[in-house]
Amino acid sequence: MHRKKIYSKKMIVHGVLILILAGGVSFLTEHWGEGHLSVIVDWIKASGSFAPIFFMAVNTLGLVIMIPQTLFTVVAGILFGAVKGAGVCLCSMAVGSAMSFFLGRFVFRDRVLKKFQHDPNFMKMEMLSREHPLKVLALSRFVPVVPYAVANYLWAATGVRFLPFLIMSVLCLIPETVFLTAGGHLLSSGVRKGTVNWEIVGLAGVAALLIFFLVRAVQRSIERDTSG
């Protein structure tokens, strides 16, 4: 439990740093770049389905080659807004996770096992996935011991089935994705218009509380099952 609390703090710090970085780049692009951020956002709104599809393709590829997803998610909020950005990210993460799973199970499984079979996190993941696959999948997505993209390949090397893997991966990403895209949207509206959308602030707050309570609930449930 103590290790997960430490990692949760690292996740929060990581998320805050990403938001600060995205905010700084957005500010420079808008105010020193003669309104280029507004031009980009307006172009995306006028481009119909092209921009979201292109973004999903890039995001999917990034997930498969194990590029960290946090920055992609914040950028989606900046470019598409909180709700649409979350939808774009979740769709691309579903496709990317599925591709990674099949690659990990049928192409790279031997390499993954050779590299991680003695890793304590992987050994625990393998052991718990036999008895509590849904709960462990949920916890690994809420509080990942390893980055999300890497975990896709690790899960593929375990005995977990594809459909539960995909469903839990996407469902458990919803609160974090909404929180990050809401943060990106707030950065965009603040930098471009100097306004704060309090509905989006509320949405981000609800997502953060949901993450907190879901993590605690899943952790306690696994602890009861393993100690019983």
Protein backbone atom coordinates (compact mmCIF):
# COMPACT_ATOMS: atom_id res chain seq x y z
CA MET A 1 0.00 0.00 0.00
CA HIS A 2 2.81 2.38 0.93
CA ARG A 3 4.47 1.94 -2.47
CA LYS A 4 1.20 2.67 -4.26
CA LYS A 5 0.74 5.85 -2.23
CA ILE A 6 4.23 6.95 -3.22
CA TYR A 7 3.51 6.18 -6.86
CA SER A 8 0.19 8.04 -6.67
CA LYS A 9 2.07 11.15 -5.52
CA LYS A 10 4.50 10.71 -8.41
CA MET A 11 1.55 10.48 -10.81
CA ILE A 12 0.08 13.72 -9.46
CA VAL A 13 3.45 15.50 -9.74
CA HIS A 14 3.90 14.12 -13.27
CA GLY A 15 0.43 15.31 -14.30
CA VAL A 16 1.01 18.77 -12.83
CA LEU A 17 4.35 19.09 -14.63
CA ILE A 18 2.75 18.09 -17.93
CA LEU A 19 -0.01 20.67 -17.44
CA ILE A 20 2.58 23.36 -16.63
CA LEU A 21 4.58 22.42 -19.72
CA ALA A 22 1.50 22.44 -21.94
CA GLY A 23 0.38 25.74 -20.43
CA GLY A 24 3.76 27.34 -21.07
CA VAL A 25 3.89 26.16 -24.67
CA SER A 26 0.30 27.31 -25.22
CA PHE A 27 1.05 30.75 -23.79
CA LEU A 28 4.16 31.17 -25.92
CA THR A 29 2.33 29.97 -29.04
CA GLU A 30 -0.56 32.35 -28.49
CA HIS A 31 1.13 35.50 -27.18
CA TRP A 32 4.57 35.33 -28.73
CA GLY A 33 3.43 33.49 -31.82
CA GLU A 34 0.87 36.12 -32.85
CA GLY A 35 -2.19 34.07 -31.96
CA HIS A 36 -1.05 30.82 -33.57
CA LEU A 37 -2.80 28.69 -30.93
CA SER A 38 -6.14 30.31 -31.78
CA VAL A 39 -5.43 29.77 -35.47
CA ILE A 40 -4.74 26.07 -34.87
CA VAL A 41 -7.87 25.59 -32.74
CA ASP A 42 -10.05 27.44 -35.27
CA TRP A 43 -8.59 25.36 -38.10
CA ILE A 44 -9.37 22.15 -36.20
CA LYS A 45 -12.97 23.26 -35.63
CA ALA A 46 -13.33 23.97 -39.35
CA SER A 47 -11.62 20.76 -40.52
CA GLY A 48 -14.49 18.43 -39.67
CA SER A 49 -13.43 14.87 -38.96
CA PHE A 50 -9.95 15.12 -40.48
CA ALA A 51 -8.13 16.54 -37.43
CA PRO A 52 -9.60 14.09 -34.88
CA ILE A 53 -8.85 11.11 -37.15
CA PHE A 54 -5.29 12.30 -37.72
CA PHE A 55 -4.81 12.85 -33.98
CA MET A 56 -6.19 9.37 -33.20
CA ALA A 57 -3.81 7.81 -35.72
CA VAL A 58 -0.80 9.57 -34.17
CA ASN A 59 -1.96 8.77 -30.63
CA THR A 60 -2.51 5.10 -31.51
CA LEU A 61 0.95 4.82 -33.04
CA GLY A 62 2.45 6.55 -29.99
CA LEU A 63 0.79 4.02 -27.70
CA VAL A 64 2.05 1.05 -29.73
CA ILE A 65 5.65 2.33 -29.68
CA MET A 66 5.27 3.15 -25.97
CA ILE A 67 5.35 6.95 -25.97
CA PRO A 68 3.87 8.31 -22.69
CA GLN A 69 0.23 9.26 -23.20
CA THR A 70 -0.23 12.05 -20.66
CA LEU A 71 0.95 14.82 -22.95
CA PHE A 72 -1.22 13.52 -25.82
CA THR A 73 -4.25 13.62 -23.53
CA VAL A 74 -3.62 17.19 -22.36
CA VAL A 75 -3.05 18.32 -25.95
CA ALA A 76 -6.35 16.69 -26.97
CA GLY A 77 -8.10 18.85 -24.36
CA ILE A 78 -6.38 21.97 -25.70
CA LEU A 79 -7.26 21.23 -29.32
CA PHE A 80 -10.68 19.55 -29.09
CA GLY A 81 -12.12 20.52 -25.71
CA ALA A 82 -12.71 18.42 -22.59
CA VAL A 83 -15.49 16.10 -23.81
CA LYS A 84 -14.53 15.65 -27.46
CA GLY A 85 -10.86 15.42 -26.50
CA ALA A 86 -11.64 12.65 -24.02
CA GLY A 87 -13.60 10.76 -26.67
CA VAL A 88 -10.79 11.07 -29.20
CA CYS A 89 -8.22 9.86 -26.66
CA LEU A 90 -10.30 6.94 -25.41
CA CYS A 91 -10.99 5.71 -28.96
CA SER A 92 -7.33 5.87 -29.92
CA MET A 93 -6.24 4.26 -26.65
CA ALA A 94 -8.69 1.40 -27.21
CA VAL A 95 -7.27 0.75 -30.68
CA GLY A 96 -3.67 1.21 -29.54
CA SER A 97 -4.15 -1.05 -26.51
CA ALA A 98 -5.68 -3.77 -28.67
CA MET A 99 -2.81 -3.58 -31.16
CA SER A 100 -0.24 -3.65 -28.36
CA PHE A 101 -1.96 -6.63 -26.75
CA PHE A 102 -1.92 -8.71 -29.93
CA LEU A 103 1.67 -7.73 -30.68
CA GLY A 104 2.66 -8.58 -27.13
CA ARG A 105 0.90 -11.94 -27.14
CA PHE A 106 1.69 -13.23 -30.62
CA VAL A 107 4.84 -11.40 -31.73
CA PHE A 108 6.88 -10.16 -28.75
CA ARG A 109 5.74 -12.48 -25.94
CA ASP A 110 9.04 -14.36 -25.68
CA ARG A 111 10.98 -11.08 -25.56
CA VAL A 112 8.67 -9.65 -22.90
CA LEU A 113 8.97 -12.77 -20.74
CA LYS A 114 12.73 -12.87 -21.14
CA LYS A 115 13.02 -9.26 -19.99
CA PHE A 116 10.36 -9.16 -17.25
CA GLN A 117 9.71 -12.69 -16.01
CA HIS A 118 11.82 -12.09 -12.87
CA ASP A 119 10.59 -8.53 -12.32
CA PRO A 120 8.67 -8.43 -8.99
CA ASN A 121 5.93 -6.20 -10.39
CA PHE A 122 5.33 -8.53 -13.32
CA MET A 123 5.42 -11.62 -11.09
CA LYS A 124 2.81 -10.10 -8.81
CA MET A 125 0.72 -9.03 -11.81
CA GLU A 126 0.87 -12.58 -13.20
CA MET A 127 -0.05 -14.16 -9.86
CA LEU A 128 -2.97 -11.86 -9.05
CA SER A 129 -4.32 -11.92 -12.63
CA ARG A 130 -5.13 -15.61 -12.21
CA GLU A 131 -7.38 -15.02 -9.19
CA HIS A 132 -8.63 -11.44 -9.51
CA PRO A 133 -8.08 -10.39 -13.15
CA LEU A 134 -10.68 -7.62 -13.32
CA LYS A 135 -9.67 -6.02 -10.03
CA VAL A 136 -5.96 -6.17 -10.79
CA LEU A 137 -6.55 -4.80 -14.28
CA ALA A 138 -8.53 -1.93 -12.77
CA LEU A 139 -5.90 -1.14 -10.16
CA SER A 140 -3.06 -1.30 -12.69
CA ARG A 141 -4.87 1.31 -14.78
CA PHE A 142 -5.85 3.58 -11.88
CA VAL A 143 -2.43 3.39 -10.19
CA PRO A 144 0.01 2.02 -12.77
CA VAL A 145 3.21 0.59 -11.34
CA VAL A 146 4.61 0.79 -14.88
CA PRO A 147 3.54 3.21 -17.64
CA TYR A 148 0.25 2.43 -19.37
CA ALA A 149 1.83 1.68 -22.76
CA VAL A 150 4.37 -0.73 -21.23
CA ALA A 151 1.67 -2.42 -19.16
CA ASN A 152 -0.20 -3.35 -22.35
CA TYR A 153 2.69 -5.58 -23.40
CA LEU A 154 3.10 -6.99 -19.89
CA TRP A 155 -0.58 -7.90 -19.67
CA ALA A 156 -0.33 -9.61 -23.05
CA ALA A 157 2.37 -11.89 -21.63
CA THR A 158 0.09 -13.00 -18.76
CA GLY A 159 -2.88 -15.33 -19.05
CA VAL A 160 -5.47 -12.55 -19.01
CA ARG A 161 -8.07 -12.70 -21.78
CA PHE A 162 -8.27 -10.00 -24.43
CA LEU A 163 -11.87 -8.82 -23.95
CA PRO A 164 -11.64 -8.21 -20.16
CA PHE A 165 -8.26 -6.53 -20.76
CA LEU A 166 -9.67 -4.14 -23.34
CA ILE A 167 -12.90 -3.33 -21.49
CA MET A 168 -11.21 -2.65 -18.16
CA SER A 169 -8.39 -0.71 -19.79
CA VAL A 170 -10.79 1.71 -21.47
CA LEU A 171 -13.33 1.99 -18.63
CA CYS A 172 -10.68 2.64 -16.00
CA LEU A 173 -9.05 5.31 -18.14
CA ILE A 174 -12.19 7.46 -18.32
CA PRO A 175 -11.72 9.47 -15.06
CA GLU A 176 -8.02 10.21 -15.68
CA THR A 177 -8.62 11.06 -19.34
CA VAL A 178 -11.46 13.45 -18.50
CA PHE A 179 -9.35 15.08 -15.79
CA LEU A 180 -6.43 15.68 -18.18
CA THR A 181 -8.51 16.84 -21.14
CA ALA A 182 -10.44 19.16 -18.82
CA GLY A 183 -7.10 20.56 -17.66
CA GLY A 184 -6.03 21.05 -21.27
CA HIS A 185 -9.31 22.77 -22.10
CA LEU A 186 -8.93 25.12 -19.12
CA LEU A 187 -5.39 25.96 -20.23
CA SER A 188 -6.61 26.70 -23.75
CA SER A 189 -9.52 28.92 -22.71
CA GLY A 190 -7.40 30.70 -20.11
CA VAL A 191 -4.54 31.41 -22.50
CA ARG A 192 -6.65 32.30 -25.55
CA LYS A 193 -9.57 34.13 -23.94
CA GLY A 194 -8.49 34.85 -20.40
CA THR A 195 -11.61 33.12 -19.08
CA VAL A 196 -12.31 30.21 -16.75
CA ASN A 197 -15.05 27.71 -17.58
CA TRP A 198 -16.35 26.73 -14.15
CA GLU A 199 -18.34 23.82 -15.55
CA ILE A 200 -15.08 22.31 -16.80
CA VAL A 201 -13.45 23.02 -13.43
CA GLY A 202 -16.29 21.09 -11.81
CA LEU A 203 -15.90 18.26 -14.32
CA ALA A 204 -12.17 18.01 -13.55
CA GLY A 205 -12.91 18.03 -9.81
CA VAL A 206 -15.47 15.23 -10.13
CA ALA A 207 -13.02 13.18 -12.21
CA ALA A 208 -10.27 13.66 -9.60
CA LEU A 209 -12.57 12.60 -6.75
CA LEU A 210 -13.74 9.60 -8.77
CA ILE A 211 -10.15 8.49 -9.33
CA PHE A 212 -9.39 8.83 -5.61
CA PHE A 213 -12.39 6.83 -4.38
CA LEU A 214 -12.15 4.16 -7.08
CA VAL A 215 -8.47 3.54 -6.30
CA ARG A 216 -9.23 3.16 -2.60
CA ALA A 217 -12.17 0.84 -3.27
CA VAL A 218 -10.21 -1.46 -5.60
CA GLN A 219 -7.16 -1.53 -3.32
CA ARG A 220 -9.26 -2.49 -0.30
CA SER A 221 -11.11 -5.15 -2.26
CA ILE A 222 -7.86 -6.78 -3.42
CA GLU A 223 -6.43 -6.62 0.09
CA ARG A 224 -9.52 -8.37 1.49
CA ASP A 225 -9.35 -11.07 -1.17
CA THR A 226 -5.62 -11.73 -0.75
CA SER A 227 -5.72 -11.74 3.05
CA GLY A 228 -8.83 -13.87 3.28
